[in-house]
Amino acid sequence: TVEDDGPCTADDQCIDDNLCTDDYCHPSFHLCVNEPLDGM
């Protein structure tokens, strides 16, 4: 019943400057996700 804003609220807050990851803010948990782009 209580939800914190968390570490991120927008995708641009999660950019890690790595061409091999897809960077975005998880819409439910408000945590940054840096997903590997295998084969890119």
Full PDB file with SEQRES, HELIX, SHEET, SSBOND, CRYST1, ORIGX, SCALE, CONECT and MASTER records, all heavy atoms in Angstrom:
SEQRES   1 A   40  THR VAL GLU ASP ASP GLY PRO CYS THR ALA ASP ASP GLN          
SEQRES   2 A   40  CYS ILE ASP ASP ASN LEU CYS THR ASP ASP TYR CYS HIS          
SEQRES   3 A   40  PRO SER PHE HIS LEU CYS VAL ASN GLU PRO LEU ASP GLY          
SEQRES   4 A   40  MET                                                          
HELIX    1 AA1 ASP A   11  GLN A   13  5                                   3    
SHEET    1 AA1 2 THR A  21  CYS A  25  0                                        
SHEET    2 AA1 2 CYS A  32  PRO A  36 -1                                        
SSBOND   1 CYS A    8    CYS A   25                          1555   1555  2.13  
SSBOND   2 CYS A   14    CYS A   32                          1555   1555  2.12  
CRYST1    1.000    1.000    1.000  90.00  90.00  90.00 P 1           1          
ORIGX1      1.000000  0.000000  0.000000        0.00000                         
ORIGX2      0.000000  1.000000  0.000000        0.00000                         
ORIGX3      0.000000  0.000000  1.000000        0.00000                         
SCALE1      1.000000  0.000000  0.000000        0.00000                         
SCALE2      0.000000  1.000000  0.000000        0.00000                         
SCALE3      0.000000  0.000000  1.000000        0.00000                         
ATOM      1  N   THR A   1       0.820  -1.210   0.000  1.00  0.00           N  
ATOM      2  CA  THR A   1       0.000   0.000   0.000  1.00  0.00           C  
ATOM      3  C   THR A   1       0.849   1.253   0.000  1.00  0.00           C  
ATOM      4  O   THR A   1       0.341   2.352  -0.165  1.00  0.00           O  
ATOM      5  CB  THR A   1      -0.909   0.031   1.234  1.00  0.00           C  
ATOM      6  OG1 THR A   1      -0.099  -0.053   2.396  1.00  0.00           O  
ATOM      7  CG2 THR A   1      -1.881  -1.133   1.206  1.00  0.00           C  
ATOM      8  N   VAL A   2       2.164   1.084   0.193  1.00  0.00           N  
ATOM      9  CA  VAL A   2       3.065   2.228   0.151  1.00  0.00           C  
ATOM     10  C   VAL A   2       4.133   1.936  -0.882  1.00  0.00           C  
ATOM     11  O   VAL A   2       4.726   0.869  -0.884  1.00  0.00           O  
ATOM     12  CB  VAL A   2       3.716   2.467   1.527  1.00  0.00           C  
ATOM     13  CG1 VAL A   2       4.727   3.604   1.447  1.00  0.00           C  
ATOM     14  CG2 VAL A   2       2.643   2.767   2.550  1.00  0.00           C  
ATOM     15  N   GLU A   3       4.394   2.859  -1.811  1.00  0.00           N  
ATOM     16  CA  GLU A   3       5.378   2.636  -2.875  1.00  0.00           C  
ATOM     17  C   GLU A   3       6.368   3.776  -2.927  1.00  0.00           C  
ATOM     18  O   GLU A   3       5.988   4.940  -3.007  1.00  0.00           O  
ATOM     19  CB  GLU A   3       4.676   2.515  -4.222  1.00  0.00           C  
ATOM     20  CG  GLU A   3       5.667   2.293  -5.359  1.00  0.00           C  
ATOM     21  CD  GLU A   3       4.962   1.956  -6.642  1.00  0.00           C  
ATOM     22  OE1 GLU A   3       3.814   1.498  -6.592  1.00  0.00           O  
ATOM     23  OE2 GLU A   3       5.569   2.169  -7.685  1.00  0.00           O  
ATOM     24  N   ASP A   4       7.648   3.420  -2.887  1.00  0.00           N  
ATOM     25  CA  ASP A   4       8.694   4.414  -2.954  1.00  0.00           C  
ATOM     26  C   ASP A   4       8.972   4.746  -4.413  1.00  0.00           C  
ATOM     27  O   ASP A   4       8.705   3.954  -5.303  1.00  0.00           O  
ATOM     28  CB  ASP A   4       9.958   3.851  -2.281  1.00  0.00           C  
ATOM     29  CG  ASP A   4      10.982   4.923  -2.055  1.00  0.00           C  
ATOM     30  OD1 ASP A   4      10.714   6.074  -2.401  1.00  0.00           O  
ATOM     31  OD2 ASP A   4      12.056   4.584  -1.518  1.00  0.00           O  
ATOM     32  N   ASP A   5       9.538   5.912  -4.681  1.00  0.00           N  
ATOM     33  CA  ASP A   5       9.888   6.287  -6.053  1.00  0.00           C  
ATOM     34  C   ASP A   5      11.075   5.487  -6.570  1.00  0.00           C  
ATOM     35  O   ASP A   5      11.272   5.374  -7.763  1.00  0.00           O  
ATOM     36  CB  ASP A   5      10.221   7.786  -6.124  1.00  0.00           C  
ATOM     37  CG  ASP A   5       8.958   8.618  -6.054  1.00  0.00           C  
ATOM     38  OD1 ASP A   5       7.893   8.051  -6.296  1.00  0.00           O  
ATOM     39  OD2 ASP A   5       9.061   9.818  -5.751  1.00  0.00           O  
ATOM     40  N   GLY A   6      11.904   4.908  -5.726  1.00  0.00           N  
ATOM     41  CA  GLY A   6      13.007   4.066  -6.132  1.00  0.00           C  
ATOM     42  C   GLY A   6      14.166   4.853  -6.715  1.00  0.00           C  
ATOM     43  O   GLY A   6      14.142   6.073  -6.814  1.00  0.00           O  
ATOM     44  N   PRO A   7      15.238   4.110  -7.196  1.00  0.00           N  
ATOM     45  CA  PRO A   7      16.427   4.767  -7.744  1.00  0.00           C  
ATOM     46  C   PRO A   7      16.162   5.474  -9.071  1.00  0.00           C  
ATOM     47  O   PRO A   7      16.903   6.357  -9.451  1.00  0.00           O  
ATOM     48  CB  PRO A   7      17.410   3.609  -7.925  1.00  0.00           C  
ATOM     49  CG  PRO A   7      16.910   2.525  -7.023  1.00  0.00           C  
ATOM     50  CD  PRO A   7      15.423   2.679  -7.041  1.00  0.00           C  
ATOM     51  N   CYS A   8      15.166   5.031  -9.856  1.00  0.00           N  
ATOM     52  CA  CYS A   8      14.941   5.639 -11.162  1.00  0.00           C  
ATOM     53  C   CYS A   8      13.452   5.802 -11.432  1.00  0.00           C  
ATOM     54  O   CYS A   8      12.614   5.077 -10.902  1.00  0.00           O  
ATOM     55  CB  CYS A   8      15.585   4.812 -12.270  1.00  0.00           C  
ATOM     56  SG  CYS A   8      14.811   3.176 -12.505  1.00  0.00           S  
ATOM     57  N   THR A   9      13.172   6.796 -12.242  1.00  0.00           N  
ATOM     58  CA  THR A   9      11.795   7.010 -12.695  1.00  0.00           C  
ATOM     59  C   THR A   9      11.718   7.143 -14.201  1.00  0.00           C  
ATOM     60  O   THR A   9      10.627   7.171 -14.763  1.00  0.00           O  
ATOM     61  CB  THR A   9      11.219   8.281 -12.052  1.00  0.00           C  
ATOM     62  OG1 THR A   9      12.061   9.400 -12.384  1.00  0.00           O  
ATOM     63  CG2 THR A   9      11.121   8.131 -10.539  1.00  0.00           C  
ATOM     64  N   ALA A  10      12.883   7.226 -14.901  1.00  0.00           N  
ATOM     65  CA  ALA A  10      12.916   7.376 -16.361  1.00  0.00           C  
ATOM     66  C   ALA A  10      14.086   6.591 -16.930  1.00  0.00           C  
ATOM     67  O   ALA A  10      15.089   6.357 -16.245  1.00  0.00           O  
ATOM     68  CB  ALA A  10      13.028   8.849 -16.744  1.00  0.00           C  
ATOM     69  N   ASP A  11      13.996   6.171 -18.209  1.00  0.00           N  
ATOM     70  CA  ASP A  11      15.026   5.348 -18.841  1.00  0.00           C  
ATOM     71  C   ASP A  11      16.365   6.063 -18.930  1.00  0.00           C  
ATOM     72  O   ASP A  11      17.425   5.446 -18.794  1.00  0.00           O  
ATOM     73  CB  ASP A  11      14.576   4.927 -20.243  1.00  0.00           C  
ATOM     74  CG  ASP A  11      13.399   3.962 -20.217  1.00  0.00           C  
ATOM     75  OD1 ASP A  11      13.142   3.388 -19.141  1.00  0.00           O  
ATOM     76  OD2 ASP A  11      12.742   3.784 -21.261  1.00  0.00           O  
ATOM     77  N   ASP A  12      16.341   7.380 -19.162  1.00  0.00           N  
ATOM     78  CA  ASP A  12      17.607   8.092 -19.348  1.00  0.00           C  
ATOM     79  C   ASP A  12      18.427   8.167 -18.067  1.00  0.00           C  
ATOM     80  O   ASP A  12      19.590   8.571 -18.093  1.00  0.00           O  
ATOM     81  CB  ASP A  12      17.353   9.490 -19.903  1.00  0.00           C  
ATOM     82  CG  ASP A  12      16.450  10.330 -19.009  1.00  0.00           C  
ATOM     83  OD1 ASP A  12      16.090   9.859 -17.915  1.00  0.00           O  
ATOM     84  OD2 ASP A  12      16.084  11.450 -19.423  1.00  0.00           O  
ATOM     85  N   GLN A  13      17.865   7.764 -16.934  1.00  0.00           N  
ATOM     86  CA  GLN A  13      18.623   7.719 -15.691  1.00  0.00           C  
ATOM     87  C   GLN A  13      19.437   6.442 -15.557  1.00  0.00           C  
ATOM     88  O   GLN A  13      20.199   6.290 -14.600  1.00  0.00           O  
ATOM     89  CB  GLN A  13      17.672   7.836 -14.492  1.00  0.00           C  
ATOM     90  CG  GLN A  13      16.908   9.153 -14.436  1.00  0.00           C  
ATOM     91  CD  GLN A  13      15.868   9.175 -13.328  1.00  0.00           C  
ATOM     92  OE1 GLN A  13      15.372   8.124 -12.923  1.00  0.00           O  
ATOM     93  NE2 GLN A  13      15.538  10.360 -12.847  1.00  0.00           N  
ATOM     94  N   CYS A  14      19.280   5.510 -16.512  1.00  0.00           N  
ATOM     95  CA  CYS A  14      19.917   4.186 -16.410  1.00  0.00           C  
ATOM     96  C   CYS A  14      20.982   3.956 -17.476  1.00  0.00           C  
ATOM     97  O   CYS A  14      21.474   2.841 -17.622  1.00  0.00           O  
ATOM     98  CB  CYS A  14      18.847   3.097 -16.513  1.00  0.00           C  
ATOM     99  SG  CYS A  14      17.606   3.167 -15.197  1.00  0.00           S  
ATOM    100  N   ILE A  15      21.343   4.966 -18.253  1.00  0.00           N  
ATOM    101  CA  ILE A  15      22.324   4.796 -19.328  1.00  0.00           C  
ATOM    102  C   ILE A  15      23.699   4.525 -18.735  1.00  0.00           C  
ATOM    103  O   ILE A  15      24.181   5.291 -17.893  1.00  0.00           O  
ATOM    104  CB  ILE A  15      22.363   6.052 -20.223  1.00  0.00           C  
ATOM    105  CG1 ILE A  15      20.992   6.265 -20.891  1.00  0.00           C  
ATOM    106  CG2 ILE A  15      23.465   5.932 -21.264  1.00  0.00           C  
ATOM    107  CD1 ILE A  15      20.901   7.531 -21.698  1.00  0.00           C  
ATOM    108  N   ASP A  16      24.348   3.415 -19.186  1.00  0.00           N  
ATOM    109  CA  ASP A  16      25.663   3.045 -18.656  1.00  0.00           C  
ATOM    110  C   ASP A  16      26.780   3.211 -19.681  1.00  0.00           C  
ATOM    111  O   ASP A  16      27.905   2.767 -19.457  1.00  0.00           O  
ATOM    112  CB  ASP A  16      25.641   1.601 -18.138  1.00  0.00           C  
ATOM    113  CG  ASP A  16      25.339   0.599 -19.254  1.00  0.00           C  
ATOM    114  OD1 ASP A  16      25.094   1.030 -20.401  1.00  0.00           O  
ATOM    115  OD2 ASP A  16      25.341  -0.615 -18.960  1.00  0.00           O  
ATOM    116  N   ASP A  17      26.464   3.837 -20.843  1.00  0.00           N  
ATOM    117  CA  ASP A  17      27.467   4.095 -21.895  1.00  0.00           C  
ATOM    118  C   ASP A  17      28.105   2.814 -22.395  1.00  0.00           C  
ATOM    119  O   ASP A  17      29.278   2.792 -22.782  1.00  0.00           O  
ATOM    120  CB  ASP A  17      28.553   5.056 -21.377  1.00  0.00           C  
ATOM    121  CG  ASP A  17      28.000   6.429 -21.045  1.00  0.00           C  
ATOM    122  OD1 ASP A  17      27.079   6.884 -21.754  1.00  0.00           O  
ATOM    123  OD2 ASP A  17      28.480   7.044 -20.082  1.00  0.00           O  
ATOM    124  N   ASN A  18      27.368   1.711 -22.391  1.00  0.00           N  
ATOM    125  CA  ASN A  18      27.845   0.426 -22.913  1.00  0.00           C  
ATOM    126  C   ASN A  18      26.996   0.072 -24.121  1.00  0.00           C  
ATOM    127  O   ASN A  18      25.780  -0.109 -24.012  1.00  0.00           O  
ATOM    128  CB  ASN A  18      27.738  -0.659 -21.843  1.00  0.00           C  
ATOM    129  CG  ASN A  18      28.300  -1.991 -22.304  1.00  0.00           C  
ATOM    130  OD1 ASN A  18      28.693  -2.152 -23.458  1.00  0.00           O  
ATOM    131  ND2 ASN A  18      28.346  -2.962 -21.406  1.00  0.00           N  
ATOM    132  N   LEU A  19      27.656  -0.033 -25.302  1.00  0.00           N  
ATOM    133  CA  LEU A  19      26.919  -0.345 -26.524  1.00  0.00           C  
ATOM    134  C   LEU A  19      26.295  -1.731 -26.494  1.00  0.00           C  
ATOM    135  O   LEU A  19      25.416  -2.026 -27.298  1.00  0.00           O  
ATOM    136  CB  LEU A  19      27.860  -0.242 -27.738  1.00  0.00           C  
ATOM    137  CG  LEU A  19      28.414   1.148 -28.060  1.00  0.00           C  
ATOM    138  CD1 LEU A  19      29.387   1.062 -29.226  1.00  0.00           C  
ATOM    139  CD2 LEU A  19      27.289   2.119 -28.384  1.00  0.00           C  
ATOM    140  N   CYS A  20      26.750  -2.552 -25.562  1.00  0.00           N  
ATOM    141  CA  CYS A  20      26.302  -3.943 -25.524  1.00  0.00           C  
ATOM    142  C   CYS A  20      25.189  -4.188 -24.508  1.00  0.00           C  
ATOM    143  O   CYS A  20      24.924  -5.341 -24.152  1.00  0.00           O  
ATOM    144  CB  CYS A  20      27.480  -4.871 -25.238  1.00  0.00           C  
ATOM    145  SG  CYS A  20      28.644  -4.988 -26.619  1.00  0.00           S  
ATOM    146  N   THR A  21      24.546  -3.140 -24.016  1.00  0.00           N  
ATOM    147  CA  THR A  21      23.429  -3.318 -23.092  1.00  0.00           C  
ATOM    148  C   THR A  21      22.253  -2.443 -23.510  1.00  0.00           C  
ATOM    149  O   THR A  21      22.432  -1.354 -24.056  1.00  0.00           O  
ATOM    150  CB  THR A  21      23.813  -2.959 -21.640  1.00  0.00           C  
ATOM    151  OG1 THR A  21      24.247  -1.594 -21.593  1.00  0.00           O  
ATOM    152  CG2 THR A  21      24.895  -3.876 -21.122  1.00  0.00           C  
ATOM    153  N   ASP A  22      21.051  -2.963 -23.237  1.00  0.00           N  
ATOM    154  CA  ASP A  22      19.818  -2.208 -23.430  1.00  0.00           C  
ATOM    155  C   ASP A  22      19.433  -1.631 -22.068  1.00  0.00           C  
ATOM    156  O   ASP A  22      19.121  -2.373 -21.135  1.00  0.00           O  
ATOM    157  CB  ASP A  22      18.724  -3.126 -23.977  1.00  0.00           C  
ATOM    158  CG  ASP A  22      17.429  -2.381 -24.237  1.00  0.00           C  
ATOM    159  OD1 ASP A  22      17.474  -1.141 -24.327  1.00  0.00           O  
ATOM    160  OD2 ASP A  22      16.373  -3.035 -24.336  1.00  0.00           O  
ATOM    161  N   ASP A  23      19.457  -0.312 -21.928  1.00  0.00           N  
ATOM    162  CA  ASP A  23      19.301   0.350 -20.631  1.00  0.00           C  
ATOM    163  C   ASP A  23      17.898   0.928 -20.492  1.00  0.00           C  
ATOM    164  O   ASP A  23      17.453   1.713 -21.336  1.00  0.00           O  
ATOM    165  CB  ASP A  23      20.338   1.469 -20.489  1.00  0.00           C  
ATOM    166  CG  ASP A  23      21.745   0.994 -20.816  1.00  0.00           C  
ATOM    167  OD1 ASP A  23      22.065  -0.147 -20.470  1.00  0.00           O  
ATOM    168  OD2 ASP A  23      22.511   1.773 -21.410  1.00  0.00           O  
ATOM    169  N   TYR A  24      17.219   0.561 -19.412  1.00  0.00           N  
ATOM    170  CA  TYR A  24      15.898   1.128 -19.166  1.00  0.00           C  
ATOM    171  C   TYR A  24      15.546   1.015 -17.679  1.00  0.00           C  
ATOM    172  O   TYR A  24      16.165   0.262 -16.924  1.00  0.00           O  
ATOM    173  CB  TYR A  24      14.829   0.423 -20.008  1.00  0.00           C  
ATOM    174  CG  TYR A  24      14.650  -1.055 -19.723  1.00  0.00           C  
ATOM    175  CD1 TYR A  24      13.719  -1.505 -18.791  1.00  0.00           C  
ATOM    176  CD2 TYR A  24      15.409  -2.006 -20.409  1.00  0.00           C  
ATOM    177  CE1 TYR A  24      13.547  -2.854 -18.541  1.00  0.00           C  
ATOM    178  CE2 TYR A  24      15.255  -3.359 -20.162  1.00  0.00           C  
ATOM    179  CZ  TYR A  24      14.315  -3.772 -19.235  1.00  0.00           C  
ATOM    180  OH  TYR A  24      14.153  -5.118 -18.989  1.00  0.00           O  
ATOM    181  N   CYS A  25      14.544   1.784 -17.266  1.00  0.00           N  
ATOM    182  CA  CYS A  25      14.056   1.776 -15.886  1.00  0.00           C  
ATOM    183  C   CYS A  25      12.859   0.838 -15.797  1.00  0.00           C  
ATOM    184  O   CYS A  25      11.883   0.994 -16.542  1.00  0.00           O  
ATOM    185  CB  CYS A  25      13.664   3.193 -15.461  1.00  0.00           C  
ATOM    186  SG  CYS A  25      13.089   3.311 -13.749  1.00  0.00           S  
ATOM    187  N   HIS A  26      12.939  -0.143 -14.904  1.00  0.00           N  
ATOM    188  CA  HIS A  26      11.853  -1.111 -14.776  1.00  0.00           C  
ATOM    189  C   HIS A  26      10.584  -0.391 -14.317  1.00  0.00           C  
ATOM    190  O   HIS A  26      10.580   0.297 -13.288  1.00  0.00           O  
ATOM    191  CB  HIS A  26      12.229  -2.195 -13.770  1.00  0.00           C  
ATOM    192  CG  HIS A  26      11.352  -3.413 -13.865  1.00  0.00           C  
ATOM    193  ND1 HIS A  26      10.072  -3.448 -13.385  1.00  0.00           N  
ATOM    194  CD2 HIS A  26      11.588  -4.640 -14.417  1.00  0.00           C  
ATOM    195  CE1 HIS A  26       9.541  -4.624 -13.606  1.00  0.00           C  
ATOM    196  NE2 HIS A  26      10.443  -5.370 -14.237  1.00  0.00           N  
ATOM    197  N   PRO A  27       9.484  -0.532 -15.059  1.00  0.00           N  
ATOM    198  CA  PRO A  27       8.274   0.237 -14.747  1.00  0.00           C  
ATOM    199  C   PRO A  27       7.608  -0.154 -13.424  1.00  0.00           C  
ATOM    200  O   PRO A  27       6.871   0.640 -12.860  1.00  0.00           O  
ATOM    201  CB  PRO A  27       7.368  -0.065 -15.941  1.00  0.00           C  
ATOM    202  CG  PRO A  27       7.833  -1.377 -16.460  1.00  0.00           C  
ATOM    203  CD  PRO A  27       9.322  -1.379 -16.253  1.00  0.00           C  
ATOM    204  N   SER A  28       7.846  -1.356 -12.939  1.00  0.00           N  
ATOM    205  CA  SER A  28       7.187  -1.804 -11.711  1.00  0.00           C  
ATOM    206  C   SER A  28       8.034  -1.570 -10.469  1.00  0.00           C  
ATOM    207  O   SER A  28       7.534  -1.130  -9.434  1.00  0.00           O  
ATOM    208  CB  SER A  28       6.836  -3.292 -11.810  1.00  0.00           C  
ATOM    209  OG  SER A  28       5.923  -3.525 -12.851  1.00  0.00           O  
ATOM    210  N   PHE A  29       9.349  -1.856 -10.578  1.00  0.00           N  
ATOM    211  CA  PHE A  29      10.208  -1.795  -9.407  1.00  0.00           C  
ATOM    212  C   PHE A  29      11.042  -0.523  -9.349  1.00  0.00           C  
ATOM    213  O   PHE A  29      11.722  -0.269  -8.370  1.00  0.00           O  
ATOM    214  CB  PHE A  29      11.129  -3.017  -9.357  1.00  0.00           C  
ATOM    215  CG  PHE A  29      10.381  -4.315  -9.342  1.00  0.00           C  
ATOM    216  CD1 PHE A  29      10.370  -5.144 -10.461  1.00  0.00           C  
ATOM    217  CD2 PHE A  29       9.670  -4.706  -8.227  1.00  0.00           C  
ATOM    218  CE1 PHE A  29       9.662  -6.333 -10.464  1.00  0.00           C  
ATOM    219  CE2 PHE A  29       8.973  -5.900  -8.222  1.00  0.00           C  
ATOM    220  CZ  PHE A  29       8.953  -6.708  -9.339  1.00  0.00           C  
ATOM    221  N   HIS A  30      11.013   0.281 -10.409  1.00  0.00           N  
ATOM    222  CA  HIS A  30      11.776   1.526 -10.460  1.00  0.00           C  
ATOM    223  C   HIS A  30      13.253   1.281 -10.212  1.00  0.00           C  
ATOM    224  O   HIS A  30      13.914   2.030  -9.503  1.00  0.00           O  
ATOM    225  CB  HIS A  30      11.218   2.538  -9.459  1.00  0.00           C  
ATOM    226  CG  HIS A  30       9.798   2.927  -9.749  1.00  0.00           C  
ATOM    227  ND1 HIS A  30       9.451   3.731 -10.807  1.00  0.00           N  
ATOM    228  CD2 HIS A  30       8.631   2.594  -9.138  1.00  0.00           C  
ATOM    229  CE1 HIS A  30       8.142   3.895 -10.826  1.00  0.00           C  
ATOM    230  NE2 HIS A  30       7.614   3.206  -9.835  1.00  0.00           N  
ATOM    231  N   LEU A  31      13.766   0.183 -10.773  1.00  0.00           N  
ATOM    232  CA  LEU A  31      15.175  -0.146 -10.698  1.00  0.00           C  
ATOM    233  C   LEU A  31      15.757  -0.150 -12.101  1.00  0.00           C  
ATOM    234  O   LEU A  31      15.085  -0.508 -13.065  1.00  0.00           O  
ATOM    235  CB  LEU A  31      15.386  -1.520 -10.050  1.00  0.00           C  
ATOM    236  CG  LEU A  31      14.888  -1.681  -8.614  1.00  0.00           C  
ATOM    237  CD1 LEU A  31      15.059  -3.110  -8.154  1.00  0.00           C  
ATOM    238  CD2 LEU A  31      15.650  -0.728  -7.689  1.00  0.00           C  
ATOM    239  N   CYS A  32      17.032   0.241 -12.248  1.00  0.00           N  
ATOM    240  CA  CYS A  32      17.686   0.264 -13.553  1.00  0.00           C  
ATOM    241  C   CYS A  32      17.983  -1.158 -14.030  1.00  0.00           C  
ATOM    242  O   CYS A  32      18.441  -2.008 -13.257  1.00  0.00           O  
ATOM    243  CB  CYS A  32      18.989   1.063 -13.491  1.00  0.00           C  
ATOM    244  SG  CYS A  32      18.728   2.849 -13.420  1.00  0.00           S  
ATOM    245  N   VAL A  33      17.735  -1.410 -15.294  1.00  0.00           N  
ATOM    246  CA  VAL A  33      18.028  -2.692 -15.928  1.00  0.00           C  
ATOM    247  C   VAL A  33      18.979  -2.433 -17.088  1.00  0.00           C  
ATOM    248  O   VAL A  33      18.723  -1.563 -17.919  1.00  0.00           O  
ATOM    249  CB  VAL A  33      16.742  -3.376 -16.440  1.00  0.00           C  
ATOM    250  CG1 VAL A  33      17.083  -4.696 -17.126  1.00  0.00           C  
ATOM    251  CG2 VAL A  33      15.774  -3.621 -15.292  1.00  0.00           C  
ATOM    252  N   ASN A  34      20.093  -3.165 -17.125  1.00  0.00           N  
ATOM    253  CA  ASN A  34      21.067  -3.083 -18.211  1.00  0.00           C  
ATOM    254  C   ASN A  34      21.183  -4.470 -18.821  1.00  0.00           C  
ATOM    255  O   ASN A  34      22.006  -5.284 -18.415  1.00  0.00           O  
ATOM    256  CB  ASN A  34      22.421  -2.588 -17.690  1.00  0.00           C  
ATOM    257  CG  ASN A  34      22.305  -1.270 -16.945  1.00  0.00           C  
ATOM    258  OD1 ASN A  34      22.423  -1.235 -15.730  1.00  0.00           O  
ATOM    259  ND2 ASN A  34      22.061  -0.189 -17.661  1.00  0.00           N  
ATOM    260  N   GLU A  35      20.338  -4.736 -19.803  1.00  0.00           N  
ATOM    261  CA  GLU A  35      20.205  -6.079 -20.374  1.00  0.00           C  
ATOM    262  C   GLU A  35      21.209  -6.293 -21.502  1.00  0.00           C  
ATOM    263  O   GLU A  35      21.281  -5.502 -22.446  1.00  0.00           O  
ATOM    264  CB  GLU A  35      18.786  -6.255 -20.908  1.00  0.00           C  
ATOM    265  CG  GLU A  35      18.502  -7.643 -21.441  1.00  0.00           C  
ATOM    266  CD  GLU A  35      17.050  -7.791 -21.859  1.00  0.00           C  
ATOM    267  OE1 GLU A  35      16.255  -6.878 -21.575  1.00  0.00           O  
ATOM    268  OE2 GLU A  35      16.724  -8.805 -22.476  1.00  0.00           O  
ATOM    269  N   PRO A  36      22.050  -7.375 -21.453  1.00  0.00           N  
ATOM    270  CA  PRO A  36      23.045  -7.633 -22.501  1.00  0.00           C  
ATOM    271  C   PRO A  36      22.386  -7.845 -23.867  1.00  0.00           C  
ATOM    272  O   PRO A  36      21.324  -8.465 -23.966  1.00  0.00           O  
ATOM    273  CB  PRO A  36      23.749  -8.911 -22.019  1.00  0.00           C  
ATOM    274  CG  PRO A  36      23.496  -8.950 -20.545  1.00  0.00           C  
ATOM    275  CD  PRO A  36      22.133  -8.353 -20.357  1.00  0.00           C  
ATOM    276  N   LEU A  37      23.045  -7.330 -24.920  1.00  0.00           N  
ATOM    277  CA  LEU A  37      22.570  -7.480 -26.300  1.00  0.00           C  
ATOM    278  C   LEU A  37      23.502  -8.446 -27.009  1.00  0.00           C  
ATOM    279  O   LEU A  37      24.395  -8.043 -27.763  1.00  0.00           O  
ATOM    280  CB  LEU A  37      22.546  -6.114 -26.999  1.00  0.00           C  
ATOM    281  CG  LEU A  37      21.587  -5.069 -26.401  1.00  0.00           C  
ATOM    282  CD1 LEU A  37      21.779  -3.731 -27.082  1.00  0.00           C  
ATOM    283  CD2 LEU A  37      20.145  -5.539 -26.520  1.00  0.00           C  
ATOM    284  N   ASP A  38      23.328  -9.725 -26.767  1.00  0.00           N  
ATOM    285  CA  ASP A  38      24.201 -10.752 -27.329  1.00  0.00           C  
ATOM    286  C   ASP A  38      24.113 -10.753 -28.850  1.00  0.00           C  
ATOM    287  O   ASP A  38      23.022 -10.829 -29.425  1.00  0.00           O  
ATOM    288  CB  ASP A  38      23.802 -12.123 -26.771  1.00  0.00           C  
ATOM    289  CG  ASP A  38      24.788 -13.209 -27.158  1.00  0.00           C  
ATOM    290  OD1 ASP A  38      25.921 -12.868 -27.551  1.00  0.00           O  
ATOM    291  OD2 ASP A  38      24.436 -14.402 -27.056  1.00  0.00           O  
ATOM    292  N   GLY A  39      25.288 -10.677 -29.524  1.00  0.00           N  
ATOM    293  CA  GLY A  39      25.334 -10.707 -30.984  1.00  0.00           C  
ATOM    294  C   GLY A  39      25.240  -9.356 -31.657  1.00  0.00           C  
ATOM    295  O   GLY A  39      25.381  -9.254 -32.874  1.00  0.00           O  
ATOM    296  N   MET A  40      25.040  -8.290 -30.891  1.00  0.00           N  
ATOM    297  CA  MET A  40      24.929  -6.935 -31.457  1.00  0.00           C  
ATOM    298  C   MET A  40      26.296  -6.458 -31.945  1.00  0.00           C  
ATOM    299  O   MET A  40      27.321  -6.756 -31.361  1.00  0.00           O  
ATOM    300  CB  MET A  40      24.367  -5.979 -30.410  1.00  0.00           C  
ATOM    301  CG  MET A  40      24.259  -4.539 -30.863  1.00  0.00           C  
ATOM    302  SD  MET A  40      22.955  -4.304 -32.098  1.00  0.00           S  
ATOM    303  CE  MET A  40      21.492  -4.508 -31.066  1.00  0.00           C  
TER     304      MET A  40                                                      
CONECT   56  186                                                                
CONECT   99  244                                                                
CONECT  186   56                                                                
CONECT  244   99                                                                
MASTER        0    0    0    1    2    0    0    6  303    1    4    4          
END                                                                             
